[in-house]
Amino acid sequence: QVQPVESGGGLVQAGGSLRVSCAAPRSIFSINAMGWYRQPPGKQRELVARITTGDTTNYADSVKGRFTISRDNAKNTVYLQMNSLKPEDTAVYYCHAENLPWFWGQGTQVTVSS
């Protein structure tokens, strides 16, 4: 099955920034809200941010004011800009299309050192 392609993770010091990207097929991207999830070590996966096709956004309380989700319809790509990163943001970050339970990528690792 088709999967999203996530990229852009890495290692950064606390207070730094990273941007992760997710490319999806146009047939999926153009009609679905897209979300970024994360799974910290030993914890459950959680929603970080989501964006609808009309660019309405929602954020987890823990990232409000620090993270920004956006989408580029010309590139079929959704981004998550992460600023003021904290060690507790360390996780594998996943891209997901709402209403498609099977549409998960391999994830990209984000590690924030203190």
Protein backbone atom coordinates (compact mmCIF):
# COMPACT_ATOMS: atom_id res chain seq x y z
CA GLN A 1 0.00 0.00 0.00
CA VAL A 2 1.01 3.60 -0.49
CA GLN A 3 2.72 5.27 2.46
CA PRO A 4 3.64 8.86 3.24
CA VAL A 5 7.32 9.73 3.13
CA GLU A 6 8.54 11.58 6.20
CA SER A 7 11.88 13.37 6.40
CA GLY A 8 13.74 16.06 8.28
CA GLY A 9 14.25 14.60 11.72
CA GLY A 10 17.53 14.71 13.55
CA LEU A 11 19.40 15.64 16.68
CA VAL A 12 19.13 19.15 18.06
CA GLN A 13 19.92 20.89 21.32
CA ALA A 14 17.17 22.18 23.57
CA GLY A 15 15.94 25.53 22.33
CA GLY A 16 16.73 24.68 18.73
CA SER A 17 14.51 24.18 15.70
CA LEU A 18 13.74 21.46 13.19
CA ARG A 19 11.29 21.08 10.34
CA VAL A 20 9.88 17.72 9.35
CA SER A 21 8.17 17.08 6.04
CA CYS A 22 5.68 14.55 4.77
CA ALA A 23 4.98 13.90 1.11
CA ALA A 24 1.81 12.09 0.11
CA PRO A 25 0.12 11.15 -3.15
CA ARG A 26 -2.09 13.91 -4.50
CA SER A 27 -5.12 11.64 -4.47
CA ILE A 28 -4.80 11.38 -0.70
CA PHE A 29 -3.35 14.77 0.15
CA SER A 30 -5.93 16.83 -1.70
CA ILE A 31 -8.99 15.47 0.08
CA ASN A 32 -7.81 14.61 3.58
CA ALA A 33 -6.90 16.49 6.67
CA MET A 34 -3.31 15.65 7.56
CA GLY A 35 -1.82 15.19 10.98
CA TRP A 36 1.52 14.84 12.69
CA TYR A 37 1.72 12.36 15.53
CA ARG A 38 4.59 11.40 17.77
CA GLN A 39 5.54 8.45 19.93
CA PRO A 40 8.02 9.12 22.71
CA PRO A 41 10.07 6.19 23.99
CA GLY A 42 7.92 3.86 26.06
CA LYS A 43 4.77 5.91 25.53
CA GLN A 44 1.71 5.83 23.33
CA ARG A 45 1.41 7.66 20.06
CA GLU A 46 -0.21 11.09 20.40
CA LEU A 47 -1.54 13.76 18.09
CA VAL A 48 0.75 16.77 17.83
CA ALA A 49 -0.98 18.89 15.18
CA ARG A 50 -3.46 18.59 12.34
CA ILE A 51 -4.43 20.70 9.36
CA THR A 52 -7.56 20.45 7.24
CA THR A 53 -7.83 20.97 3.50
CA GLY A 54 -9.13 24.44 4.35
CA ASP A 55 -6.00 25.17 6.45
CA THR A 56 -7.73 25.01 9.82
CA THR A 57 -5.16 23.91 12.37
CA ASN A 58 -5.25 22.28 15.78
CA TYR A 59 -2.42 21.67 18.22
CA ALA A 60 -1.74 19.67 21.32
CA ASP A 61 -1.48 21.93 24.34
CA SER A 62 2.12 20.85 24.88
CA VAL A 63 3.25 22.34 21.56
CA LYS A 64 1.03 25.40 21.16
CA GLY A 65 3.06 28.49 20.41
CA ARG A 66 6.15 26.45 19.51
CA PHE A 67 5.10 24.24 16.59
CA THR A 68 3.45 25.24 13.32
CA ILE A 69 1.82 22.87 10.86
CA SER A 70 1.38 23.91 7.24
CA ARG A 71 0.65 22.33 3.88
CA ASP A 72 1.90 23.03 0.37
CA ASN A 73 -0.80 21.89 -2.03
CA ALA A 74 1.47 22.30 -5.06
CA LYS A 75 3.95 19.84 -3.56
CA ASN A 76 1.46 17.55 -1.79
CA THR A 77 3.52 18.05 1.32
CA VAL A 78 2.70 18.84 4.93
CA TYR A 79 5.29 20.39 7.21
CA LEU A 80 5.78 20.67 10.94
CA GLN A 81 8.03 23.53 11.99
CA MET A 82 9.26 22.92 15.53
CA ASN A 83 10.82 25.77 17.48
CA SER A 84 12.00 26.08 21.07
CA LEU A 85 12.41 22.34 21.22
CA LYS A 86 12.51 20.61 24.59
CA PRO A 87 13.93 17.22 25.58
CA GLU A 88 10.36 16.00 26.11
CA ASP A 89 9.73 16.54 22.39
CA THR A 90 12.03 13.60 21.69
CA ALA A 91 10.01 11.03 19.77
CA VAL A 92 9.45 9.37 16.45
CA TYR A 93 7.23 11.68 14.42
CA TYR A 94 4.67 10.21 12.06
CA CYS A 95 2.51 11.65 9.30
CA HIS A 96 -1.07 10.45 8.93
CA ALA A 97 -4.06 11.16 6.73
CA GLU A 98 -7.33 11.30 8.62
CA ASN A 99 -10.00 8.81 7.58
CA LEU A 100 -7.32 6.45 6.24
CA PRO A 101 -6.39 4.12 9.12
CA TRP A 102 -3.72 2.42 7.01
CA PHE A 103 -1.91 5.58 5.89
CA TRP A 104 1.09 5.76 8.22
CA GLY A 105 4.72 6.25 7.34
CA GLN A 106 7.87 4.81 8.86
CA GLY A 107 8.35 7.91 10.97
CA THR A 108 11.29 10.21 11.46
CA GLN A 109 13.30 10.41 14.68
CA VAL A 110 13.57 13.72 16.50
CA THR A 111 15.98 13.82 19.41
CA VAL A 112 16.37 16.89 21.61
CA SER A 113 19.35 16.94 23.93
CA SER A 114 19.41 18.93 27.14
